[in-house]
């Protein structure tokens, strides 16, 4: 399995941190109120309740499904960076009602105001479990996704020469849309950024789950139904993990 997926699903020690001002209020009227990555996470400043109003986006090499899930929340304190004080937060532990062989990529809290997500198979064009195709462009870290009707979407990391950073561009349906920054920590880049592609909102157009954790600690669910007129997709809900914005030390720094 891909390097990043292992680390994301195994976050049990440090967990994830989210402050009040990092809550994604754009999700308030969307199909999901929250997105979380990792079976166990620790959060500061965002308060959840234990409950069964969650779905697991889970995949194997052949298919994906939304599986009924629940979260158990308990209060917990964590030391701050210099161990001088402890910080009040919550530990979230996610489980599926009927665990199977599929691997969980993300957890989605259903929005009761828009009950569009239901347990069962979900239209999928590809996932990180199966792996995505790379176009015949060696060394560029591009990925491509094909829909059943033959429509091709390409993800192209592009270098901004002014500030020397890579930004991900989506190309599909004759349009191009700049998304967000990639690879703040990696010196060589990788193709772990695309986690899932399919039709989650049921409008017949592609949706994407993209990881920027190697850039600035965020995973974003993009939906075609949230797009502005000139765009292909719009942000539906995101998961922020600022603990990953600090790059790990290199071998020379250890």
C-alpha atoms as a PDB file:
ATOM      1  CA  UNK A   1       0.000   0.000   0.000  1.00  0.00           C
ATOM      2  CA  UNK A   2       1.096   3.521  -0.563  1.00  0.00           C
ATOM      3  CA  UNK A   3       3.447   5.120   1.969  1.00  0.00           C
ATOM      4  CA  UNK A   4       1.094   7.902   3.010  1.00  0.00           C
ATOM      5  CA  UNK A   5      -1.980   5.713   3.414  1.00  0.00           C
ATOM      6  CA  UNK A   6      -0.167   3.549   5.950  1.00  0.00           C
ATOM      7  CA  UNK A   7       0.804   6.567   8.035  1.00  0.00           C
ATOM      8  CA  UNK A   8      -2.629   8.209   7.812  1.00  0.00           C
ATOM      9  CA  UNK A   9      -4.519   5.109   8.882  1.00  0.00           C
ATOM     10  CA  UNK A  10      -2.120   4.409  11.723  1.00  0.00           C
ATOM     11  CA  UNK A  11      -2.146   7.830  13.450  1.00  0.00           C
ATOM     12  CA  UNK A  12      -2.627   6.781  17.056  1.00  0.00           C
ATOM     13  CA  UNK A  13       0.153   8.464  19.020  1.00  0.00           C
ATOM     14  CA  UNK A  14       0.167  12.069  17.885  1.00  0.00           C
ATOM     15  CA  UNK A  15      -3.189  11.973  16.194  1.00  0.00           C
ATOM     16  CA  UNK A  16      -4.308  15.153  14.485  1.00  0.00           C
ATOM     17  CA  UNK A  17      -4.741  18.698  15.695  1.00  0.00           C
ATOM     18  CA  UNK A  18      -7.438  21.143  14.678  1.00  0.00           C
ATOM     19  CA  UNK A  19      -8.077  24.544  16.238  1.00  0.00           C
ATOM     20  CA  UNK A  20     -11.369  26.403  16.354  1.00  0.00           C
ATOM     21  CA  UNK A  21     -10.399  28.729  13.534  1.00  0.00           C
ATOM     22  CA  UNK A  22      -9.592  25.761  11.286  1.00  0.00           C
ATOM     23  CA  UNK A  23     -13.097  24.299  11.223  1.00  0.00           C
ATOM     24  CA  UNK A  24     -14.279  24.161   7.632  1.00  0.00           C
ATOM     25  CA  UNK A  25     -17.608  25.984   7.748  1.00  0.00           C
ATOM     26  CA  UNK A  26     -18.039  25.393   4.022  1.00  0.00           C
ATOM     27  CA  UNK A  27     -19.206  21.900   4.966  1.00  0.00           C
ATOM     28  CA  UNK A  28     -22.197  23.178   6.952  1.00  0.00           C
ATOM     29  CA  UNK A  29     -24.591  22.907   4.019  1.00  0.00           C
ATOM     30  CA  UNK A  30     -22.833  20.135   2.124  1.00  0.00           C
ATOM     31  CA  UNK A  31     -23.438  16.400   1.885  1.00  0.00           C
ATOM     32  CA  UNK A  32     -21.043  15.784   4.784  1.00  0.00           C
ATOM     33  CA  UNK A  33     -20.417  17.901   7.861  1.00  0.00           C
ATOM     34  CA  UNK A  34     -16.954  16.551   8.634  1.00  0.00           C
ATOM     35  CA  UNK A  35     -14.166  14.581   7.010  1.00  0.00           C
ATOM     36  CA  UNK A  36     -11.611  12.712   9.135  1.00  0.00           C
ATOM     37  CA  UNK A  37      -8.620  10.616   8.084  1.00  0.00           C
ATOM     38  CA  UNK A  38      -7.190   8.057  10.502  1.00  0.00           C
ATOM     39  CA  UNK A  39      -8.828   5.432  12.695  1.00  0.00           C
ATOM     40  CA  UNK A  40      -7.813   7.301  15.847  1.00  0.00           C
ATOM     41  CA  UNK A  41      -7.188  11.050  15.971  1.00  0.00           C
ATOM     42  CA  UNK A  42      -6.786  13.642  18.681  1.00  0.00           C
ATOM     43  CA  UNK A  43      -8.372  17.042  18.179  1.00  0.00           C
ATOM     44  CA  UNK A  44      -8.156  20.327  20.038  1.00  0.00           C
ATOM     45  CA  UNK A  45     -10.866  22.959  19.765  1.00  0.00           C
ATOM     46  CA  UNK A  46     -13.375  20.999  17.697  1.00  0.00           C
ATOM     47  CA  UNK A  47     -15.910  19.076  19.721  1.00  0.00           C
ATOM     48  CA  UNK A  48     -17.567  15.942  18.438  1.00  0.00           C
ATOM     49  CA  UNK A  49     -20.089  13.606  20.021  1.00  0.00           C
ATOM     50  CA  UNK A  50     -20.068   9.838  20.017  1.00  0.00           C
ATOM     51  CA  UNK A  51     -22.535   8.546  17.471  1.00  0.00           C
ATOM     52  CA  UNK A  52     -23.321   6.351  14.495  1.00  0.00           C
ATOM     53  CA  UNK A  53     -23.955   9.081  11.904  1.00  0.00           C
ATOM     54  CA  UNK A  54     -20.722   8.294  10.048  1.00  0.00           C
ATOM     55  CA  UNK A  55     -19.837   6.440   6.868  1.00  0.00           C
ATOM     56  CA  UNK A  56     -16.494   4.888   6.003  1.00  0.00           C
ATOM     57  CA  UNK A  57     -15.244   5.327   2.445  1.00  0.00           C
ATOM     58  CA  UNK A  58     -13.613   1.920   2.114  1.00  0.00           C
ATOM     59  CA  UNK A  59     -12.015   0.295  -0.915  1.00  0.00           C
ATOM     60  CA  UNK A  60     -10.308  -2.817  -2.163  1.00  0.00           C
ATOM     61  CA  UNK A  61      -8.610  -3.333  -5.514  1.00  0.00           C
ATOM     62  CA  UNK A  62     -11.941  -3.845  -7.299  1.00  0.00           C
ATOM     63  CA  UNK A  63     -14.518  -1.535  -5.752  1.00  0.00           C
ATOM     64  CA  UNK A  64     -15.416   0.962  -3.042  1.00  0.00           C
ATOM     65  CA  UNK A  65     -18.389   1.388  -0.735  1.00  0.00           C
ATOM     66  CA  UNK A  66     -19.765   3.652   1.941  1.00  0.00           C
ATOM     67  CA  UNK A  67     -20.013   1.484   5.043  1.00  0.00           C
ATOM     68  CA  UNK A  68     -21.934   2.320   8.239  1.00  0.00           C
ATOM     69  CA  UNK A  69     -19.582   3.489  10.967  1.00  0.00           C
ATOM     70  CA  UNK A  70     -19.515   5.063  14.401  1.00  0.00           C
ATOM     71  CA  UNK A  71     -17.169   7.144  16.489  1.00  0.00           C
ATOM     72  CA  UNK A  72     -16.461   6.982  20.203  1.00  0.00           C
ATOM     73  CA  UNK A  73     -15.301  10.315  21.631  1.00  0.00           C
ATOM     74  CA  UNK A  74     -13.613  10.811  24.971  1.00  0.00           C
ATOM     75  CA  UNK A  75     -11.941  13.800  26.555  1.00  0.00           C
ATOM     76  CA  UNK A  76      -8.180  13.647  26.714  1.00  0.00           C
ATOM     77  CA  UNK A  77      -5.292  15.972  27.431  1.00  0.00           C
ATOM     78  CA  UNK A  78      -2.080  16.166  25.429  1.00  0.00           C
ATOM     79  CA  UNK A  79       1.184  17.939  26.356  1.00  0.00           C
ATOM     80  CA  UNK A  80       2.087  20.950  24.259  1.00  0.00           C
ATOM     81  CA  UNK A  81       5.278  21.173  22.235  1.00  0.00           C
ATOM     82  CA  UNK A  82       7.588  21.912  25.193  1.00  0.00           C
ATOM     83  CA  UNK A  83       5.646  19.821  27.750  1.00  0.00           C
ATOM     84  CA  UNK A  84       5.039  22.943  29.880  1.00  0.00           C
ATOM     85  CA  UNK A  85       1.238  22.602  29.927  1.00  0.00           C
ATOM     86  CA  UNK A  86      -1.362  20.114  28.796  1.00  0.00           C
ATOM     87  CA  UNK A  87      -3.965  20.893  26.156  1.00  0.00           C
ATOM     88  CA  UNK A  88      -7.569  19.801  26.462  1.00  0.00           C
ATOM     89  CA  UNK A  89      -8.941  17.902  23.502  1.00  0.00           C
ATOM     90  CA  UNK A  90     -10.744  14.794  22.345  1.00  0.00           C
ATOM     91  CA  UNK A  91      -9.735  11.357  21.175  1.00  0.00           C
ATOM     92  CA  UNK A  92     -11.860  10.064  18.293  1.00  0.00           C
ATOM     93  CA  UNK A  93     -11.911   6.326  17.697  1.00  0.00           C
ATOM     94  CA  UNK A  94     -13.660   5.157  14.528  1.00  0.00           C
ATOM     95  CA  UNK A  95     -14.959   1.681  13.762  1.00  0.00           C
ATOM     96  CA  UNK A  96     -17.149   0.180  11.086  1.00  0.00           C
ATOM     97  CA  UNK A  97     -20.328  -1.604  12.123  1.00  0.00           C
ATOM     98  CA  UNK A  98     -19.318  -4.614  10.050  1.00  0.00           C
ATOM     99  CA  UNK A  99     -15.573  -4.529   9.364  1.00  0.00           C
ATOM    100  CA  UNK A 100     -14.535  -6.295   6.195  1.00  0.00           C
ATOM    101  CA  UNK A 101     -11.545  -6.654   3.916  1.00  0.00           C
ATOM    102  CA  UNK A 102     -11.848  -3.204   2.383  1.00  0.00           C
ATOM    103  CA  UNK A 103      -9.392  -0.558   3.635  1.00  0.00           C
ATOM    104  CA  UNK A 104     -10.835   2.683   5.004  1.00  0.00           C
ATOM    105  CA  UNK A 105      -9.579   5.774   3.207  1.00  0.00           C
ATOM    106  CA  UNK A 106     -11.671   8.377   5.059  1.00  0.00           C
ATOM    107  CA  UNK A 107     -14.611   8.852   7.398  1.00  0.00           C
ATOM    108  CA  UNK A 108     -17.541  11.107   6.468  1.00  0.00           C
ATOM    109  CA  UNK A 109     -20.131  12.436   8.912  1.00  0.00           C
ATOM    110  CA  UNK A 110     -23.489  12.552   7.214  1.00  0.00           C
ATOM    111  CA  UNK A 111     -25.323  15.845   7.096  1.00  0.00           C
ATOM    112  CA  UNK A 112     -28.943  15.339   8.274  1.00  0.00           C
ATOM    113  CA  UNK A 113     -29.985  18.462   6.376  1.00  0.00           C
ATOM    114  CA  UNK A 114     -28.831  16.865   3.106  1.00  0.00           C
ATOM    115  CA  UNK A 115     -29.274  13.092   3.408  1.00  0.00           C
ATOM    116  CA  UNK A 116     -27.566  12.256   0.117  1.00  0.00           C
ATOM    117  CA  UNK A 117     -24.989   9.772   1.399  1.00  0.00           C
ATOM    118  CA  UNK A 118     -26.181   6.233   2.078  1.00  0.00           C
ATOM    119  CA  UNK A 119     -24.478   2.923   2.859  1.00  0.00           C
ATOM    120  CA  UNK A 120     -23.712   0.787  -0.154  1.00  0.00           C
ATOM    121  CA  UNK A 121     -21.532   0.692  -3.278  1.00  0.00           C
ATOM    122  CA  UNK A 122     -20.245   4.036  -4.490  1.00  0.00           C
ATOM    123  CA  UNK A 123     -19.409   4.809  -8.108  1.00  0.00           C
ATOM    124  CA  UNK A 124     -15.622   4.700  -8.249  1.00  0.00           C
ATOM    125  CA  UNK A 125     -13.176   5.402 -11.052  1.00  0.00           C
ATOM    126  CA  UNK A 126     -10.092   4.576  -8.996  1.00  0.00           C
ATOM    127  CA  UNK A 127      -8.545   4.651  -5.533  1.00  0.00           C
ATOM    128  CA  UNK A 128      -5.138   4.659  -3.903  1.00  0.00           C
ATOM    129  CA  UNK A 129      -5.744   1.029  -2.908  1.00  0.00           C
ATOM    130  CA  UNK A 130      -5.779  -0.042  -6.536  1.00  0.00           C
ATOM    131  CA  UNK A 131      -3.455   2.696  -7.736  1.00  0.00           C
ATOM    132  CA  UNK A 132      -3.941   5.267 -10.491  1.00  0.00           C
ATOM    133  CA  UNK A 133      -2.464   5.328 -13.966  1.00  0.00           C
ATOM    134  CA  UNK A 134       0.398   7.637 -14.811  1.00  0.00           C
ATOM    135  CA  UNK A 135       0.334   9.125 -18.327  1.00  0.00           C
ATOM    136  CA  UNK A 136       3.341   8.573 -20.567  1.00  0.00           C
ATOM    137  CA  UNK A 137       5.124  11.565 -19.074  1.00  0.00           C
ATOM    138  CA  UNK A 138       8.078  10.125 -17.105  1.00  0.00           C
ATOM    139  CA  UNK A 139       9.221  12.112 -14.103  1.00  0.00           C
ATOM    140  CA  UNK A 140       6.297  14.528 -13.986  1.00  0.00           C
ATOM    141  CA  UNK A 141       4.200  12.804 -11.272  1.00  0.00           C
ATOM    142  CA  UNK A 142       1.059  13.194 -13.359  1.00  0.00           C
ATOM    143  CA  UNK A 143      -1.937  10.930 -12.785  1.00  0.00           C
ATOM    144  CA  UNK A 144      -4.997  10.231 -14.909  1.00  0.00           C
ATOM    145  CA  UNK A 145      -8.531   8.996 -14.237  1.00  0.00           C
ATOM    146  CA  UNK A 146     -10.899   7.608 -16.868  1.00  0.00           C
ATOM    147  CA  UNK A 147     -14.677   7.532 -16.429  1.00  0.00           C
ATOM    148  CA  UNK A 148     -16.784   4.719 -17.941  1.00  0.00           C
ATOM    149  CA  UNK A 149     -17.844   6.980 -20.827  1.00  0.00           C
ATOM    150  CA  UNK A 150     -14.201   7.540 -21.779  1.00  0.00           C
ATOM    151  CA  UNK A 151     -13.781  11.021 -20.312  1.00  0.00           C
ATOM    152  CA  UNK A 152     -10.199  11.504 -19.106  1.00  0.00           C
ATOM    153  CA  UNK A 153      -9.136  13.675 -16.191  1.00  0.00           C
ATOM    154  CA  UNK A 154      -5.471  14.503 -15.708  1.00  0.00           C
ATOM    155  CA  UNK A 155      -3.741  15.781 -12.587  1.00  0.00           C
ATOM    156  CA  UNK A 156      -0.626  17.768 -13.446  1.00  0.00           C
ATOM    157  CA  UNK A 157       1.762  19.114 -10.792  1.00  0.00           C
ATOM    158  CA  UNK A 158       3.056  22.419 -12.132  1.00  0.00           C
ATOM    159  CA  UNK A 159       6.051  24.371 -10.868  1.00  0.00           C
ATOM    160  CA  UNK A 160       5.478  28.011 -10.030  1.00  0.00           C
ATOM    161  CA  UNK A 161       8.858  29.471 -10.893  1.00  0.00           C
ATOM    162  CA  UNK A 162       8.260  32.656  -8.940  1.00  0.00           C
ATOM    163  CA  UNK A 163       8.026  30.990  -5.531  1.00  0.00           C
ATOM    164  CA  UNK A 164       9.443  27.554  -6.401  1.00  0.00           C
ATOM    165  CA  UNK A 165       6.430  25.519  -5.324  1.00  0.00           C
ATOM    166  CA  UNK A 166       4.348  22.895  -7.058  1.00  0.00           C
ATOM    167  CA  UNK A 167       0.619  23.484  -7.538  1.00  0.00           C
ATOM    168  CA  UNK A 168      -1.754  20.760  -8.687  1.00  0.00           C
ATOM    169  CA  UNK A 169      -3.728  21.451 -11.857  1.00  0.00           C
ATOM    170  CA  UNK A 170      -6.825  19.480 -12.893  1.00  0.00           C
ATOM    171  CA  UNK A 171      -7.486  19.130 -16.617  1.00  0.00           C
ATOM    172  CA  UNK A 172     -10.807  17.692 -17.811  1.00  0.00           C
ATOM    173  CA  UNK A 173     -13.709  18.411 -20.169  1.00  0.00           C
ATOM    174  CA  UNK A 174     -11.672  21.034 -22.010  1.00  0.00           C
ATOM    175  CA  UNK A 175     -11.125  23.011 -18.798  1.00  0.00           C
ATOM    176  CA  UNK A 176      -8.169  23.590 -16.508  1.00  0.00           C
ATOM    177  CA  UNK A 177      -8.403  24.395 -12.802  1.00  0.00           C
ATOM    178  CA  UNK A 178      -5.615  25.162 -10.360  1.00  0.00           C
ATOM    179  CA  UNK A 179      -6.132  23.401  -7.044  1.00  0.00           C
ATOM    180  CA  UNK A 180      -3.639  23.615  -4.163  1.00  0.00           C
ATOM    181  CA  UNK A 181       0.023  23.296  -3.255  1.00  0.00           C
ATOM    182  CA  UNK A 182       1.872  19.968  -3.207  1.00  0.00           C
ATOM    183  CA  UNK A 183       5.108  18.651  -1.730  1.00  0.00           C
ATOM    184  CA  UNK A 184       6.468  21.050   0.802  1.00  0.00           C
ATOM    185  CA  UNK A 185       8.401  18.242   2.467  1.00  0.00           C
ATOM    186  CA  UNK A 186       9.300  15.868  -0.374  1.00  0.00           C
ATOM    187  CA  UNK A 187      12.326  16.803  -2.411  1.00  0.00           C
ATOM    188  CA  UNK A 188      11.399  14.450  -5.249  1.00  0.00           C
ATOM    189  CA  UNK A 189       7.604  14.491  -5.147  1.00  0.00           C
ATOM    190  CA  UNK A 190       5.284  11.478  -5.210  1.00  0.00           C
ATOM    191  CA  UNK A 191       1.976  10.296  -6.636  1.00  0.00           C
ATOM    192  CA  UNK A 192       0.260   9.589  -3.310  1.00  0.00           C
ATOM    193  CA  UNK A 193      -1.811  12.766  -3.524  1.00  0.00           C
ATOM    194  CA  UNK A 194      -4.868  11.292  -5.260  1.00  0.00           C
ATOM    195  CA  UNK A 195      -6.738   9.076  -2.789  1.00  0.00           C
ATOM    196  CA  UNK A 196     -10.048   8.442  -4.557  1.00  0.00           C
ATOM    197  CA  UNK A 197     -12.002   9.404  -7.681  1.00  0.00           C
ATOM    198  CA  UNK A 198     -15.643   8.676  -8.444  1.00  0.00           C
ATOM    199  CA  UNK A 199     -19.150  10.127  -8.283  1.00  0.00           C
ATOM    200  CA  UNK A 200     -20.059  10.740  -4.654  1.00  0.00           C
ATOM    201  CA  UNK A 201     -22.755  13.371  -5.148  1.00  0.00           C
ATOM    202  CA  UNK A 202     -24.605  11.457  -7.877  1.00  0.00           C
ATOM    203  CA  UNK A 203     -24.551  14.115 -10.586  1.00  0.00           C
ATOM    204  CA  UNK A 204     -22.683  11.985 -13.141  1.00  0.00           C
ATOM    205  CA  UNK A 205     -19.491  14.072 -12.980  1.00  0.00           C
ATOM    206  CA  UNK A 206     -16.197  13.144 -11.283  1.00  0.00           C
ATOM    207  CA  UNK A 207     -15.442  13.964  -7.652  1.00  0.00           C
ATOM    208  CA  UNK A 208     -12.022  13.621  -6.017  1.00  0.00           C
ATOM    209  CA  UNK A 209     -10.440  13.099  -2.617  1.00  0.00           C
ATOM    210  CA  UNK A 210      -6.977  14.654  -2.658  1.00  0.00           C
ATOM    211  CA  UNK A 211      -4.267  14.676  -0.019  1.00  0.00           C
ATOM    212  CA  UNK A 212      -2.036  17.687   0.516  1.00  0.00           C
ATOM    213  CA  UNK A 213      -0.569  16.357   3.779  1.00  0.00           C
ATOM    214  CA  UNK A 214       2.914  16.550   2.266  1.00  0.00           C
ATOM    215  CA  UNK A 215       2.265  20.203   1.479  1.00  0.00           C
ATOM    216  CA  UNK A 216       0.446  21.760   4.411  1.00  0.00           C
ATOM    217  CA  UNK A 217      -1.418  18.997   6.172  1.00  0.00           C
ATOM    218  CA  UNK A 218      -4.831  18.952   4.468  1.00  0.00           C
ATOM    219  CA  UNK A 219      -7.077  16.392   2.799  1.00  0.00           C
ATOM    220  CA  UNK A 220      -9.819  17.861   0.602  1.00  0.00           C
ATOM    221  CA  UNK A 221     -12.989  16.354  -0.825  1.00  0.00           C
ATOM    222  CA  UNK A 222     -13.780  18.086  -4.124  1.00  0.00           C
ATOM    223  CA  UNK A 223     -17.276  17.715  -5.569  1.00  0.00           C
ATOM    224  CA  UNK A 224     -18.440  18.650  -9.048  1.00  0.00           C
ATOM    225  CA  UNK A 225     -21.736  19.853  -7.587  1.00  0.00           C
ATOM    226  CA  UNK A 226     -19.839  22.433  -5.506  1.00  0.00           C
ATOM    227  CA  UNK A 227     -18.021  23.929  -8.502  1.00  0.00           C
ATOM    228  CA  UNK A 228     -18.382  27.509  -9.667  1.00  0.00           C
ATOM    229  CA  UNK A 229     -19.472  27.988 -13.257  1.00  0.00           C
ATOM    230  CA  UNK A 230     -15.916  28.304 -14.549  1.00  0.00           C
ATOM    231  CA  UNK A 231     -14.511  25.404 -12.525  1.00  0.00           C
ATOM    232  CA  UNK A 232     -14.633  21.629 -12.587  1.00  0.00           C
ATOM    233  CA  UNK A 233     -14.931  21.020  -8.840  1.00  0.00           C
ATOM    234  CA  UNK A 234     -15.361  22.907  -5.595  1.00  0.00           C
ATOM    235  CA  UNK A 235     -14.323  22.183  -2.025  1.00  0.00           C
ATOM    236  CA  UNK A 236     -17.040  20.296  -0.137  1.00  0.00           C
ATOM    237  CA  UNK A 237     -15.253  19.489   3.124  1.00  0.00           C
ATOM    238  CA  UNK A 238     -11.659  19.227   4.300  1.00  0.00           C
ATOM    239  CA  UNK A 239      -9.601  17.670   7.051  1.00  0.00           C
ATOM    240  CA  UNK A 240      -6.722  19.668   8.479  1.00  0.00           C
ATOM    241  CA  UNK A 241      -3.703  18.120  10.162  1.00  0.00           C
ATOM    242  CA  UNK A 242      -1.217  20.878  11.020  1.00  0.00           C
ATOM    243  CA  UNK A 243       1.058  18.381  12.775  1.00  0.00           C
ATOM    244  CA  UNK A 244       2.170  17.381   9.282  1.00  0.00           C
ATOM    245  CA  UNK A 245       3.038  20.896   8.141  1.00  0.00           C
ATOM    246  CA  UNK A 246       6.395  20.646   9.917  1.00  0.00           C
ATOM    247  CA  UNK A 247       8.632  18.572   7.691  1.00  0.00           C
ATOM    248  CA  UNK A 248      10.397  15.642   9.348  1.00  0.00           C
ATOM    249  CA  UNK A 249      14.163  16.098   9.835  1.00  0.00           C
ATOM    250  CA  UNK A 250      16.420  14.968   7.039  1.00  0.00           C
ATOM    251  CA  UNK A 251      19.150  12.391   7.625  1.00  0.00           C
ATOM    252  CA  UNK A 252      21.679  15.218   7.968  1.00  0.00           C
ATOM    253  CA  UNK A 253      19.585  16.926  10.638  1.00  0.00           C
ATOM    254  CA  UNK A 254      19.034  13.861  12.804  1.00  0.00           C
END
